[in-house]
Amino acid sequence: MVSVESRLDIRARYPNMGVVAQELFPTAKYELTPMDSYEKSLRLQGRLTPSVQESLGKAREWQEKSLAVVYIAGGLTGVDEQTKLRYGEVSSLLDSYGTLVDSKGSERQLLKGYVPHLHGTDPVKHPNVTSDEVRDIDHLWAVVVASVHVNFLHPMAHGNAIEEGWGEGHLIPSSTQNLEGNKLSRLVLGMNNIAHENNYREFNVEDIEGLRLFTDEFSVWIRTFPNRDPREFFYMSPELLRVPVLVEKGLDLKGWNPVFNASSFLLYVRDPKHPDYGKVGELDGHDWRESGMYFVKFPDGSSALCYDGFEKEVGACEVSFWLK
């Protein structure tokens, strides 16, 4: 018989991104690259052109004025203008989440979306930008600046597949957008940085159960934890870390109902059809088991019956668990 503690604490086992990276993603470079270091590397390679220098200036401004930059990837070469409009629509959606006054008294935008072709690298409007410049500018925004990717996988393209790989290699989570029935390679489907998948029949940026389900929650997480690395939204989530904790304890993942330390979590109501959608609260109790029904308490004194993604009862709301 396996001996286990009566209470498991995910936060105690994985207290920060460094431990997560070392234990679960040892081949990834999770440390953030300073902008000055990236600029110096390009200068030493003779690649610091005026176009790249201009983009570096914009990147510094965006980092200063926003809490999280989202890189919006998608096919550009040979793609019609109507398809490109979707990328701009996502950027506008991110703008709509508003601002927050940080600890220094500065007003900063919660989320800001970078669309490559709207900032100087459109293959039609900017044909004189070289291949080297496109690579260096896109790498700047996708790796050095971005905290999250939104990646359109239809129509299929080479560039954003590369950017998906960049994201995985730097622990940058991605929300993928794909047309129903569009067959993808198993490699793309198996990337370990996919935080959300939206398979649509016709893309609609306002679809509350599509991409917005992800961006709504991410924006509230950012507002709740404005001083944390935005990548923690995915990489420090119980959804990702629960299995490693149980595996380390030698537990049967299918048959064991562990008791976790409920005080470690906040709960977000992620059911868009529930009247409490978007609220953040805490468990009204002491333990969280693998499955079951619970009450979540909200700061305004109200409460709601919730479940953790397994069997759902009528009137219960689906929630996400966030590590405090």
C-alpha atoms as a PDB file:
ATOM      1  CA  MET A   1       0.000   0.000   0.000  1.00  0.00           C
ATOM      2  CA  VAL A   2       1.290   3.459  -0.938  1.00  0.00           C
ATOM      3  CA  SER A   3       1.766   5.838   1.947  1.00  0.00           C
ATOM      4  CA  VAL A   4       0.845   9.446   1.136  1.00  0.00           C
ATOM      5  CA  GLU A   5       0.263  12.634   3.056  1.00  0.00           C
ATOM      6  CA  SER A   6      -3.382  13.336   3.809  1.00  0.00           C
ATOM      7  CA  ARG A   7      -2.966  16.731   2.171  1.00  0.00           C
ATOM      8  CA  LEU A   8      -0.989  17.473  -1.012  1.00  0.00           C
ATOM      9  CA  ASP A   9       0.215  21.006  -1.754  1.00  0.00           C
ATOM     10  CA  ILE A  10       1.054  21.759  -5.396  1.00  0.00           C
ATOM     11  CA  ARG A  11       2.527  25.151  -4.500  1.00  0.00           C
ATOM     12  CA  ALA A  12       4.955  23.560  -2.036  1.00  0.00           C
ATOM     13  CA  ARG A  13       6.210  21.129  -4.690  1.00  0.00           C
ATOM     14  CA  TYR A  14       6.305  23.662  -7.559  1.00  0.00           C
ATOM     15  CA  PRO A  15       6.800  27.066  -5.891  1.00  0.00           C
ATOM     16  CA  ASN A  16       7.892  28.962  -9.019  1.00  0.00           C
ATOM     17  CA  MET A  17       8.566  28.826 -12.756  1.00  0.00           C
ATOM     18  CA  GLY A  18      12.186  27.886 -12.165  1.00  0.00           C
ATOM     19  CA  VAL A  19      11.252  24.611 -10.485  1.00  0.00           C
ATOM     20  CA  VAL A  20       8.600  23.856 -13.117  1.00  0.00           C
ATOM     21  CA  ALA A  21      11.144  24.456 -15.878  1.00  0.00           C
ATOM     22  CA  GLN A  22      13.865  22.359 -14.256  1.00  0.00           C
ATOM     23  CA  GLU A  23      11.609  19.419 -13.370  1.00  0.00           C
ATOM     24  CA  LEU A  24       9.167  19.295 -16.299  1.00  0.00           C
ATOM     25  CA  PHE A  25      10.780  21.189 -19.204  1.00  0.00           C
ATOM     26  CA  PRO A  26      14.549  20.868 -18.768  1.00  0.00           C
ATOM     27  CA  THR A  27      15.348  21.551 -22.444  1.00  0.00           C
ATOM     28  CA  ALA A  28      13.489  24.889 -22.503  1.00  0.00           C
ATOM     29  CA  LYS A  29      15.001  28.304 -21.811  1.00  0.00           C
ATOM     30  CA  TYR A  30      12.495  29.844 -19.451  1.00  0.00           C
ATOM     31  CA  GLU A  31      14.500  32.902 -18.313  1.00  0.00           C
ATOM     32  CA  LEU A  32      13.322  36.122 -19.939  1.00  0.00           C
ATOM     33  CA  THR A  33      15.808  37.625 -22.409  1.00  0.00           C
ATOM     34  CA  PRO A  34      16.662  41.283 -21.666  1.00  0.00           C
ATOM     35  CA  MET A  35      15.954  43.595 -24.586  1.00  0.00           C
ATOM     36  CA  ASP A  36      19.470  45.061 -24.359  1.00  0.00           C
ATOM     37  CA  SER A  37      21.020  41.592 -24.693  1.00  0.00           C
ATOM     38  CA  TYR A  38      18.965  40.847 -27.794  1.00  0.00           C
ATOM     39  CA  GLU A  39      19.911  44.182 -29.338  1.00  0.00           C
ATOM     40  CA  LYS A  40      23.598  43.624 -28.597  1.00  0.00           C
ATOM     41  CA  SER A  41      23.506  40.178 -30.210  1.00  0.00           C
ATOM     42  CA  LEU A  42      22.052  41.619 -33.421  1.00  0.00           C
ATOM     43  CA  ARG A  43      24.656  44.389 -33.468  1.00  0.00           C
ATOM     44  CA  LEU A  44      27.488  41.870 -33.117  1.00  0.00           C
ATOM     45  CA  GLN A  45      26.038  39.881 -36.053  1.00  0.00           C
ATOM     46  CA  GLY A  46      25.720  42.973 -38.232  1.00  0.00           C
ATOM     47  CA  ARG A  47      21.924  42.519 -38.336  1.00  0.00           C
ATOM     48  CA  LEU A  48      20.853  45.653 -36.463  1.00  0.00           C
ATOM     49  CA  THR A  49      19.260  47.423 -39.438  1.00  0.00           C
ATOM     50  CA  PRO A  50      17.076  50.560 -39.212  1.00  0.00           C
ATOM     51  CA  SER A  51      13.911  48.422 -39.525  1.00  0.00           C
ATOM     52  CA  VAL A  52      14.985  46.155 -36.682  1.00  0.00           C
ATOM     53  CA  GLN A  53      16.099  49.141 -34.592  1.00  0.00           C
ATOM     54  CA  GLU A  54      12.682  50.766 -35.067  1.00  0.00           C
ATOM     55  CA  SER A  55      10.947  47.585 -33.932  1.00  0.00           C
ATOM     56  CA  LEU A  56      13.159  47.397 -30.833  1.00  0.00           C
ATOM     57  CA  GLY A  57      12.096  50.908 -29.885  1.00  0.00           C
ATOM     58  CA  LYS A  58       8.430  49.982 -30.222  1.00  0.00           C
ATOM     59  CA  ALA A  59       8.977  46.799 -28.225  1.00  0.00           C
ATOM     60  CA  ARG A  60      10.501  48.720 -25.308  1.00  0.00           C
ATOM     61  CA  GLU A  61       7.509  51.068 -25.301  1.00  0.00           C
ATOM     62  CA  TRP A  62       5.019  48.181 -25.321  1.00  0.00           C
ATOM     63  CA  GLN A  63       6.784  46.392 -22.468  1.00  0.00           C
ATOM     64  CA  GLU A  64       6.651  49.575 -20.388  1.00  0.00           C
ATOM     65  CA  LYS A  65       2.986  50.327 -21.087  1.00  0.00           C
ATOM     66  CA  SER A  66       1.394  46.847 -20.915  1.00  0.00           C
ATOM     67  CA  LEU A  67       1.280  43.957 -18.469  1.00  0.00           C
ATOM     68  CA  ALA A  68       1.300  41.226 -21.125  1.00  0.00           C
ATOM     69  CA  VAL A  69       1.980  41.269 -24.866  1.00  0.00           C
ATOM     70  CA  VAL A  70       0.225  38.621 -26.948  1.00  0.00           C
ATOM     71  CA  TYR A  71       1.868  37.600 -30.226  1.00  0.00           C
ATOM     72  CA  ILE A  72      -0.790  36.919 -32.864  1.00  0.00           C
ATOM     73  CA  ALA A  73       0.591  34.438 -35.394  1.00  0.00           C
ATOM     74  CA  GLY A  74      -0.900  33.270 -38.662  1.00  0.00           C
ATOM     75  CA  GLY A  75      -0.168  32.746 -42.324  1.00  0.00           C
ATOM     76  CA  LEU A  76       0.694  35.866 -44.366  1.00  0.00           C
ATOM     77  CA  THR A  77       2.410  34.780 -47.567  1.00  0.00           C
ATOM     78  CA  GLY A  78      -0.204  34.224 -50.254  1.00  0.00           C
ATOM     79  CA  VAL A  79      -3.050  34.906 -47.822  1.00  0.00           C
ATOM     80  CA  ASP A  80      -5.961  37.191 -48.782  1.00  0.00           C
ATOM     81  CA  GLU A  81      -6.725  40.388 -46.908  1.00  0.00           C
ATOM     82  CA  GLN A  82      -9.969  39.028 -45.445  1.00  0.00           C
ATOM     83  CA  THR A  83      -8.043  36.286 -43.683  1.00  0.00           C
ATOM     84  CA  LYS A  84      -5.570  38.804 -42.287  1.00  0.00           C
ATOM     85  CA  LEU A  85      -8.425  40.845 -40.807  1.00  0.00           C
ATOM     86  CA  ARG A  86      -8.912  38.145 -38.167  1.00  0.00           C
ATOM     87  CA  TYR A  87      -5.505  38.903 -36.664  1.00  0.00           C
ATOM     88  CA  GLY A  88      -6.398  42.568 -36.226  1.00  0.00           C
ATOM     89  CA  GLU A  89      -9.751  41.612 -34.695  1.00  0.00           C
ATOM     90  CA  VAL A  90      -7.939  39.619 -32.018  1.00  0.00           C
ATOM     91  CA  SER A  91      -5.713  42.608 -31.274  1.00  0.00           C
ATOM     92  CA  SER A  92      -8.811  44.808 -30.856  1.00  0.00           C
ATOM     93  CA  LEU A  93     -10.356  42.232 -28.522  1.00  0.00           C
ATOM     94  CA  LEU A  94      -7.252  42.327 -26.333  1.00  0.00           C
ATOM     95  CA  ASP A  95      -7.368  46.132 -26.239  1.00  0.00           C
ATOM     96  CA  SER A  96     -10.933  45.945 -24.906  1.00  0.00           C
ATOM     97  CA  TYR A  97      -9.835  44.498 -21.550  1.00  0.00           C
ATOM     98  CA  GLY A  98      -8.702  47.930 -20.445  1.00  0.00           C
ATOM     99  CA  THR A  99      -5.995  49.159 -18.112  1.00  0.00           C
ATOM    100  CA  LEU A 100      -4.705  48.785 -14.588  1.00  0.00           C
ATOM    101  CA  VAL A 101      -2.754  51.185 -12.363  1.00  0.00           C
ATOM    102  CA  ASP A 102       0.390  49.347 -11.280  1.00  0.00           C
ATOM    103  CA  SER A 103       2.237  49.519  -7.962  1.00  0.00           C
ATOM    104  CA  LYS A 104       4.238  52.516  -9.211  1.00  0.00           C
ATOM    105  CA  GLY A 105       1.115  54.484 -10.052  1.00  0.00           C
ATOM    106  CA  SER A 106       1.450  54.058 -13.811  1.00  0.00           C
ATOM    107  CA  GLU A 107      -1.548  53.127 -15.942  1.00  0.00           C
ATOM    108  CA  ARG A 108      -0.767  50.052 -18.029  1.00  0.00           C
ATOM    109  CA  GLN A 109      -2.816  48.097 -20.533  1.00  0.00           C
ATOM    110  CA  LEU A 110      -3.707  44.589 -19.352  1.00  0.00           C
ATOM    111  CA  LEU A 111      -3.246  42.878 -22.725  1.00  0.00           C
ATOM    112  CA  LYS A 112      -1.808  44.173 -25.970  1.00  0.00           C
ATOM    113  CA  GLY A 113      -1.789  42.157 -29.177  1.00  0.00           C
ATOM    114  CA  TYR A 114       1.052  42.355 -31.688  1.00  0.00           C
ATOM    115  CA  VAL A 115       0.073  41.596 -35.294  1.00  0.00           C
ATOM    116  CA  PRO A 116       3.216  41.290 -37.467  1.00  0.00           C
ATOM    117  CA  HIS A 117       1.774  42.501 -40.773  1.00  0.00           C
ATOM    118  CA  LEU A 118       0.311  45.632 -39.133  1.00  0.00           C
ATOM    119  CA  HIS A 119       3.745  46.646 -37.852  1.00  0.00           C
ATOM    120  CA  GLY A 120       5.947  46.638 -40.906  1.00  0.00           C
ATOM    121  CA  THR A 121       6.475  43.069 -42.124  1.00  0.00           C
ATOM    122  CA  ASP A 122       3.531  42.470 -44.458  1.00  0.00           C
ATOM    123  CA  PRO A 123       4.859  40.580 -47.525  1.00  0.00           C
ATOM    124  CA  VAL A 124       2.618  42.685 -49.822  1.00  0.00           C
ATOM    125  CA  LYS A 125       2.888  46.161 -48.264  1.00  0.00           C
ATOM    126  CA  HIS A 126       6.520  45.854 -47.140  1.00  0.00           C
ATOM    127  CA  PRO A 127       8.312  43.778 -49.812  1.00  0.00           C
ATOM    128  CA  ASN A 128      11.649  45.499 -49.172  1.00  0.00           C
ATOM    129  CA  VAL A 129      11.965  44.103 -45.656  1.00  0.00           C
ATOM    130  CA  THR A 130      14.557  41.332 -45.954  1.00  0.00           C
ATOM    131  CA  SER A 131      14.218  37.740 -44.791  1.00  0.00           C
ATOM    132  CA  ASP A 132      16.802  38.363 -42.060  1.00  0.00           C
ATOM    133  CA  GLU A 133      14.843  41.372 -40.819  1.00  0.00           C
ATOM    134  CA  VAL A 134      11.557  39.469 -40.756  1.00  0.00           C
ATOM    135  CA  ARG A 135      13.192  36.694 -38.759  1.00  0.00           C
ATOM    136  CA  ASP A 136      14.795  39.059 -36.244  1.00  0.00           C
ATOM    137  CA  ILE A 137      11.697  41.241 -35.811  1.00  0.00           C
ATOM    138  CA  ASP A 138       9.351  38.264 -35.426  1.00  0.00           C
ATOM    139  CA  HIS A 139      11.737  36.573 -32.993  1.00  0.00           C
ATOM    140  CA  LEU A 140      11.874  39.780 -30.972  1.00  0.00           C
ATOM    141  CA  TRP A 141       8.102  39.953 -30.584  1.00  0.00           C
ATOM    142  CA  ALA A 142       7.360  36.221 -30.366  1.00  0.00           C
ATOM    143  CA  VAL A 143      10.106  35.336 -27.857  1.00  0.00           C
ATOM    144  CA  VAL A 144      11.663  38.388 -26.172  1.00  0.00           C
ATOM    145  CA  VAL A 145       8.454  40.409 -25.731  1.00  0.00           C
ATOM    146  CA  ALA A 146       5.470  38.040 -25.805  1.00  0.00           C
ATOM    147  CA  SER A 147       4.021  36.278 -22.779  1.00  0.00           C
ATOM    148  CA  VAL A 148       1.404  34.339 -24.776  1.00  0.00           C
ATOM    149  CA  HIS A 149       0.741  33.413 -28.417  1.00  0.00           C
ATOM    150  CA  VAL A 150      -2.532  33.238 -30.313  1.00  0.00           C
ATOM    151  CA  ASN A 151      -1.736  31.037 -33.302  1.00  0.00           C
ATOM    152  CA  PHE A 152      -3.979  30.596 -36.349  1.00  0.00           C
ATOM    153  CA  LEU A 153      -3.199  27.210 -37.889  1.00  0.00           C
ATOM    154  CA  HIS A 154      -5.440  27.662 -40.941  1.00  0.00           C
ATOM    155  CA  PRO A 155      -4.485  28.413 -43.628  1.00  0.00           C
ATOM    156  CA  MET A 156      -1.387  26.326 -42.976  1.00  0.00           C
ATOM    157  CA  ALA A 157       1.933  28.159 -43.146  1.00  0.00           C
ATOM    158  CA  HIS A 158       5.607  27.616 -42.347  1.00  0.00           C
ATOM    159  CA  GLY A 159       6.212  30.781 -40.326  1.00  0.00           C
ATOM    160  CA  ASN A 160       3.756  30.328 -37.495  1.00  0.00           C
ATOM    161  CA  ALA A 161       4.728  26.665 -37.110  1.00  0.00           C
ATOM    162  CA  ILE A 162       8.267  27.899 -36.435  1.00  0.00           C
ATOM    163  CA  GLU A 163       6.876  30.438 -33.964  1.00  0.00           C
ATOM    164  CA  GLU A 164       4.977  27.665 -32.167  1.00  0.00           C
ATOM    165  CA  GLY A 165       8.322  25.923 -31.716  1.00  0.00           C
ATOM    166  CA  TRP A 166       9.917  29.117 -30.450  1.00  0.00           C
ATOM    167  CA  GLY A 167       7.110  29.376 -27.903  1.00  0.00           C
ATOM    168  CA  GLU A 168       7.570  25.836 -26.620  1.00  0.00           C
ATOM    169  CA  GLY A 169      11.321  26.390 -26.311  1.00  0.00           C
ATOM    170  CA  HIS A 170      10.792  29.465 -24.112  1.00  0.00           C
ATOM    171  CA  LEU A 171       7.804  28.312 -22.042  1.00  0.00           C
ATOM    172  CA  ILE A 172       5.392  30.666 -23.787  1.00  0.00           C
ATOM    173  CA  PRO A 173       1.860  29.235 -23.803  1.00  0.00           C
ATOM    174  CA  SER A 174      -0.235  29.283 -26.976  1.00  0.00           C
ATOM    175  CA  SER A 175      -3.931  29.419 -27.787  1.00  0.00           C
ATOM    176  CA  THR A 176      -4.348  27.668 -31.132  1.00  0.00           C
ATOM    177  CA  GLN A 177      -7.114  28.478 -33.634  1.00  0.00           C
ATOM    178  CA  ASN A 178      -7.925  25.881 -36.261  1.00  0.00           C
ATOM    179  CA  LEU A 179     -10.696  25.278 -38.789  1.00  0.00           C
ATOM    180  CA  GLU A 180     -12.709  22.147 -38.045  1.00  0.00           C
ATOM    181  CA  GLY A 181     -11.521  19.329 -40.289  1.00  0.00           C
ATOM    182  CA  ASN A 182      -8.145  20.930 -41.057  1.00  0.00           C
ATOM    183  CA  LYS A 183      -5.707  18.078 -40.459  1.00  0.00           C
ATOM    184  CA  LEU A 184      -2.544  19.042 -38.618  1.00  0.00           C
ATOM    185  CA  SER A 185       0.693  17.113 -38.166  1.00  0.00           C
ATOM    186  CA  ARG A 186       1.055  15.094 -35.001  1.00  0.00           C
ATOM    187  CA  LEU A 187       4.091  17.172 -34.069  1.00  0.00           C
ATOM    188  CA  VAL A 188       2.076  20.395 -34.022  1.00  0.00           C
ATOM    189  CA  LEU A 189      -0.731  18.689 -32.113  1.00  0.00           C
ATOM    190  CA  GLY A 190       1.749  17.332 -29.566  1.00  0.00           C
ATOM    191  CA  MET A 191       3.421  20.620 -28.586  1.00  0.00           C
ATOM    192  CA  ASN A 192       3.536  20.945 -24.809  1.00  0.00           C
ATOM    193  CA  ASN A 193       2.848  24.693 -24.659  1.00  0.00           C
ATOM    194  CA  ILE A 194      -0.749  24.521 -25.916  1.00  0.00           C
ATOM    195  CA  ALA A 195      -2.838  26.158 -23.204  1.00  0.00           C
ATOM    196  CA  HIS A 196      -6.083  26.346 -25.181  1.00  0.00           C
ATOM    197  CA  GLU A 197      -7.497  24.996 -28.442  1.00  0.00           C
ATOM    198  CA  ASN A 198     -10.321  26.606 -30.418  1.00  0.00           C
ATOM    199  CA  ASN A 199     -11.638  24.515 -33.304  1.00  0.00           C
ATOM    200  CA  TYR A 200     -14.121  26.637 -35.222  1.00  0.00           C
ATOM    201  CA  ARG A 201     -16.422  26.274 -38.217  1.00  0.00           C
ATOM    202  CA  GLU A 202     -16.211  29.994 -38.940  1.00  0.00           C
ATOM    203  CA  PHE A 203     -13.943  32.155 -36.827  1.00  0.00           C
ATOM    204  CA  ASN A 204     -15.764  34.755 -34.746  1.00  0.00           C
ATOM    205  CA  VAL A 205     -13.678  36.770 -32.322  1.00  0.00           C
ATOM    206  CA  GLU A 206     -16.760  37.550 -30.213  1.00  0.00           C
ATOM    207  CA  ASP A 207     -17.731  33.892 -29.739  1.00  0.00           C
ATOM    208  CA  ILE A 208     -17.833  33.580 -25.964  1.00  0.00           C
ATOM    209  CA  GLU A 209     -17.086  29.858 -26.162  1.00  0.00           C
ATOM    210  CA  GLY A 210     -14.201  30.268 -28.613  1.00  0.00           C
ATOM    211  CA  LEU A 211     -11.039  32.321 -28.215  1.00  0.00           C
ATOM    212  CA  ARG A 212     -12.805  34.723 -25.847  1.00  0.00           C
ATOM    213  CA  LEU A 213     -13.224  31.967 -23.274  1.00  0.00           C
ATOM    214  CA  PHE A 214      -9.425  31.961 -23.024  1.00  0.00           C
ATOM    215  CA  THR A 215      -8.773  35.709 -23.238  1.00  0.00           C
ATOM    216  CA  ASP A 216     -11.540  36.554 -20.739  1.00  0.00           C
ATOM    217  CA  GLU A 217      -9.964  34.287 -18.145  1.00  0.00           C
ATOM    218  CA  PHE A 218      -6.414  35.392 -18.914  1.00  0.00           C
ATOM    219  CA  SER A 219      -7.371  39.063 -18.532  1.00  0.00           C
ATOM    220  CA  VAL A 220      -8.957  38.425 -15.117  1.00  0.00           C
ATOM    221  CA  TRP A 221      -5.880  36.413 -14.040  1.00  0.00           C
ATOM    222  CA  ILE A 222      -3.633  39.327 -15.061  1.00  0.00           C
ATOM    223  CA  ARG A 223      -5.826  41.777 -13.150  1.00  0.00           C
ATOM    224  CA  THR A 224      -5.748  39.498 -10.082  1.00  0.00           C
ATOM    225  CA  PHE A 225      -1.976  38.867 -10.197  1.00  0.00           C
ATOM    226  CA  PRO A 226      -0.506  41.960 -11.930  1.00  0.00           C
ATOM    227  CA  ASN A 227       2.989  41.428 -10.517  1.00  0.00           C
ATOM    228  CA  ARG A 228       3.453  37.812 -11.634  1.00  0.00           C
ATOM    229  CA  ASP A 229       4.986  36.435 -14.823  1.00  0.00           C
ATOM    230  CA  PRO A 230       1.966  36.070 -17.160  1.00  0.00           C
ATOM    231  CA  ARG A 231       3.287  32.693 -18.353  1.00  0.00           C
ATOM    232  CA  GLU A 232       2.376  31.315 -14.915  1.00  0.00           C
ATOM    233  CA  PHE A 233      -1.266  31.410 -16.006  1.00  0.00           C
ATOM    234  CA  PHE A 234      -0.571  28.117 -17.780  1.00  0.00           C
ATOM    235  CA  TYR A 235       2.696  26.782 -16.376  1.00  0.00           C
ATOM    236  CA  MET A 236       1.738  27.295 -12.712  1.00  0.00           C
ATOM    237  CA  SER A 237      -1.799  25.967 -13.124  1.00  0.00           C
ATOM    238  CA  PRO A 238      -3.128  22.969 -11.162  1.00  0.00           C
ATOM    239  CA  GLU A 239      -4.371  21.627 -14.495  1.00  0.00           C
ATOM    240  CA  LEU A 240      -0.757  21.214 -15.598  1.00  0.00           C
ATOM    241  CA  LEU A 241       0.899  20.415 -12.267  1.00  0.00           C
ATOM    242  CA  ARG A 242      -1.620  18.011 -10.694  1.00  0.00           C
ATOM    243  CA  VAL A 243      -0.427  14.958 -12.632  1.00  0.00           C
ATOM    244  CA  PRO A 244       3.293  15.440 -11.851  1.00  0.00           C
ATOM    245  CA  VAL A 245       2.493  15.748  -8.130  1.00  0.00           C
ATOM    246  CA  LEU A 246       0.498  12.509  -8.181  1.00  0.00           C
ATOM    247  CA  VAL A 247       3.076  10.664 -10.288  1.00  0.00           C
ATOM    248  CA  GLU A 248       5.820  11.628  -7.862  1.00  0.00           C
ATOM    249  CA  LYS A 249       3.742  10.183  -5.020  1.00  0.00           C
ATOM    250  CA  GLY A 250       3.348   6.920  -6.947  1.00  0.00           C
ATOM    251  CA  LEU A 251      -0.437   7.224  -7.022  1.00  0.00           C
ATOM    252  CA  ASP A 252      -2.909   5.637  -9.407  1.00  0.00           C
ATOM    253  CA  LEU A 253      -4.043   8.597 -11.502  1.00  0.00           C
ATOM    254  CA  LYS A 254      -7.399   6.994 -12.293  1.00  0.00           C
ATOM    255  CA  GLY A 255      -8.255   5.474  -8.962  1.00  0.00           C
ATOM    256  CA  TRP A 256      -6.921   7.889  -6.366  1.00  0.00           C
ATOM    257  CA  ASN A 257      -8.856  10.870  -5.009  1.00  0.00           C
ATOM    258  CA  PRO A 258      -6.178  13.045  -3.400  1.00  0.00           C
ATOM    259  CA  VAL A 259      -6.882  15.772  -0.886  1.00  0.00           C
ATOM    260  CA  PHE A 260      -5.232  19.035  -1.858  1.00  0.00           C
ATOM    261  CA  ASN A 261      -4.604  22.095   0.261  1.00  0.00           C
ATOM    262  CA  ALA A 262      -7.628  24.242  -0.611  1.00  0.00           C
ATOM    263  CA  SER A 263      -6.052  27.376   0.858  1.00  0.00           C
ATOM    264  CA  SER A 264      -3.586  27.381  -2.057  1.00  0.00           C
ATOM    265  CA  PHE A 265      -6.271  28.088  -4.668  1.00  0.00           C
ATOM    266  CA  LEU A 266      -8.494  30.763  -6.082  1.00  0.00           C
ATOM    267  CA  LEU A 267     -11.383  29.653  -8.308  1.00  0.00           C
ATOM    268  CA  TYR A 268     -12.513  31.325 -11.530  1.00  0.00           C
ATOM    269  CA  VAL A 269     -16.007  30.676 -12.898  1.00  0.00           C
ATOM    270  CA  ARG A 270     -15.348  29.728 -16.524  1.00  0.00           C
ATOM    271  CA  ASP A 271     -18.852  28.709 -17.569  1.00  0.00           C
ATOM    272  CA  PRO A 272     -20.078  31.511 -19.881  1.00  0.00           C
ATOM    273  CA  LYS A 273     -23.691  30.420 -19.434  1.00  0.00           C
ATOM    274  CA  HIS A 274     -23.560  30.775 -15.652  1.00  0.00           C
ATOM    275  CA  PRO A 275     -24.654  34.083 -14.040  1.00  0.00           C
ATOM    276  CA  ASP A 276     -21.407  34.215 -12.052  1.00  0.00           C
ATOM    277  CA  TYR A 277     -19.214  33.895 -15.174  1.00  0.00           C
ATOM    278  CA  GLY A 278     -15.898  35.690 -14.699  1.00  0.00           C
ATOM    279  CA  LYS A 279     -16.053  35.893 -10.903  1.00  0.00           C
ATOM    280  CA  VAL A 280     -13.109  34.870  -8.707  1.00  0.00           C
ATOM    281  CA  GLY A 281     -13.595  33.303  -5.280  1.00  0.00           C
ATOM    282  CA  GLU A 282     -12.366  30.707  -2.815  1.00  0.00           C
ATOM    283  CA  LEU A 283     -13.567  27.267  -1.747  1.00  0.00           C
ATOM    284  CA  ASP A 284     -16.113  27.255   1.050  1.00  0.00           C
ATOM    285  CA  GLY A 285     -14.352  24.450   2.884  1.00  0.00           C
ATOM    286  CA  HIS A 286     -10.925  23.004   3.535  1.00  0.00           C
ATOM    287  CA  ASP A 287     -10.298  20.279   0.965  1.00  0.00           C
ATOM    288  CA  TRP A 288     -10.453  19.842  -2.793  1.00  0.00           C
ATOM    289  CA  ARG A 289     -10.875  16.250  -3.974  1.00  0.00           C
ATOM    290  CA  GLU A 290     -10.279  14.978  -7.486  1.00  0.00           C
ATOM    291  CA  SER A 291     -13.994  15.018  -8.238  1.00  0.00           C
ATOM    292  CA  GLY A 292     -17.088  16.286  -6.513  1.00  0.00           C
ATOM    293  CA  MET A 293     -19.268  19.308  -5.887  1.00  0.00           C
ATOM    294  CA  TYR A 294     -18.184  22.349  -3.887  1.00  0.00           C
ATOM    295  CA  PHE A 295     -19.326  25.808  -2.962  1.00  0.00           C
ATOM    296  CA  VAL A 296     -17.218  28.744  -4.060  1.00  0.00           C
ATOM    297  CA  LYS A 297     -17.405  31.966  -2.030  1.00  0.00           C
ATOM    298  CA  PHE A 298     -17.068  35.358  -3.752  1.00  0.00           C
ATOM    299  CA  PRO A 299     -15.799  38.600  -2.160  1.00  0.00           C
ATOM    300  CA  ASP A 300     -19.278  40.151  -2.367  1.00  0.00           C
ATOM    301  CA  GLY A 301     -20.587  37.488   0.026  1.00  0.00           C
ATOM    302  CA  SER A 302     -22.425  35.417  -2.567  1.00  0.00           C
ATOM    303  CA  SER A 303     -21.645  31.786  -3.356  1.00  0.00           C
ATOM    304  CA  ALA A 304     -22.221  29.250  -6.103  1.00  0.00           C
ATOM    305  CA  LEU A 305     -22.199  25.485  -6.480  1.00  0.00           C
ATOM    306  CA  CYS A 306     -19.254  24.453  -8.632  1.00  0.00           C
ATOM    307  CA  TYR A 307     -17.563  21.379 -10.004  1.00  0.00           C
ATOM    308  CA  ASP A 308     -14.014  20.734 -11.156  1.00  0.00           C
ATOM    309  CA  GLY A 309     -14.572  19.463 -14.686  1.00  0.00           C
ATOM    310  CA  PHE A 310     -15.750  15.917 -14.000  1.00  0.00           C
ATOM    311  CA  GLU A 311     -19.403  15.000 -13.460  1.00  0.00           C
ATOM    312  CA  LYS A 312     -21.648  18.051 -13.597  1.00  0.00           C
ATOM    313  CA  GLU A 313     -24.890  18.537 -11.717  1.00  0.00           C
ATOM    314  CA  VAL A 314     -27.732  20.785 -12.857  1.00  0.00           C
ATOM    315  CA  GLY A 315     -27.069  24.402 -11.907  1.00  0.00           C
ATOM    316  CA  ALA A 316     -23.394  23.872 -11.071  1.00  0.00           C
ATOM    317  CA  CYS A 317     -20.749  26.069 -12.686  1.00  0.00           C
ATOM    318  CA  GLU A 318     -17.448  24.925 -14.143  1.00  0.00           C
ATOM    319  CA  VAL A 319     -14.403  26.536 -12.553  1.00  0.00           C
ATOM    320  CA  SER A 320     -10.671  26.868 -13.090  1.00  0.00           C
ATOM    321  CA  PHE A 321      -8.308  26.491 -10.133  1.00  0.00           C
ATOM    322  CA  TRP A 322      -5.612  29.149  -9.854  1.00  0.00           C
ATOM    323  CA  LEU A 323      -2.594  28.867  -7.558  1.00  0.00           C
ATOM    324  CA  LYS A 324      -2.356  31.889  -5.274  1.00  0.00           C
END
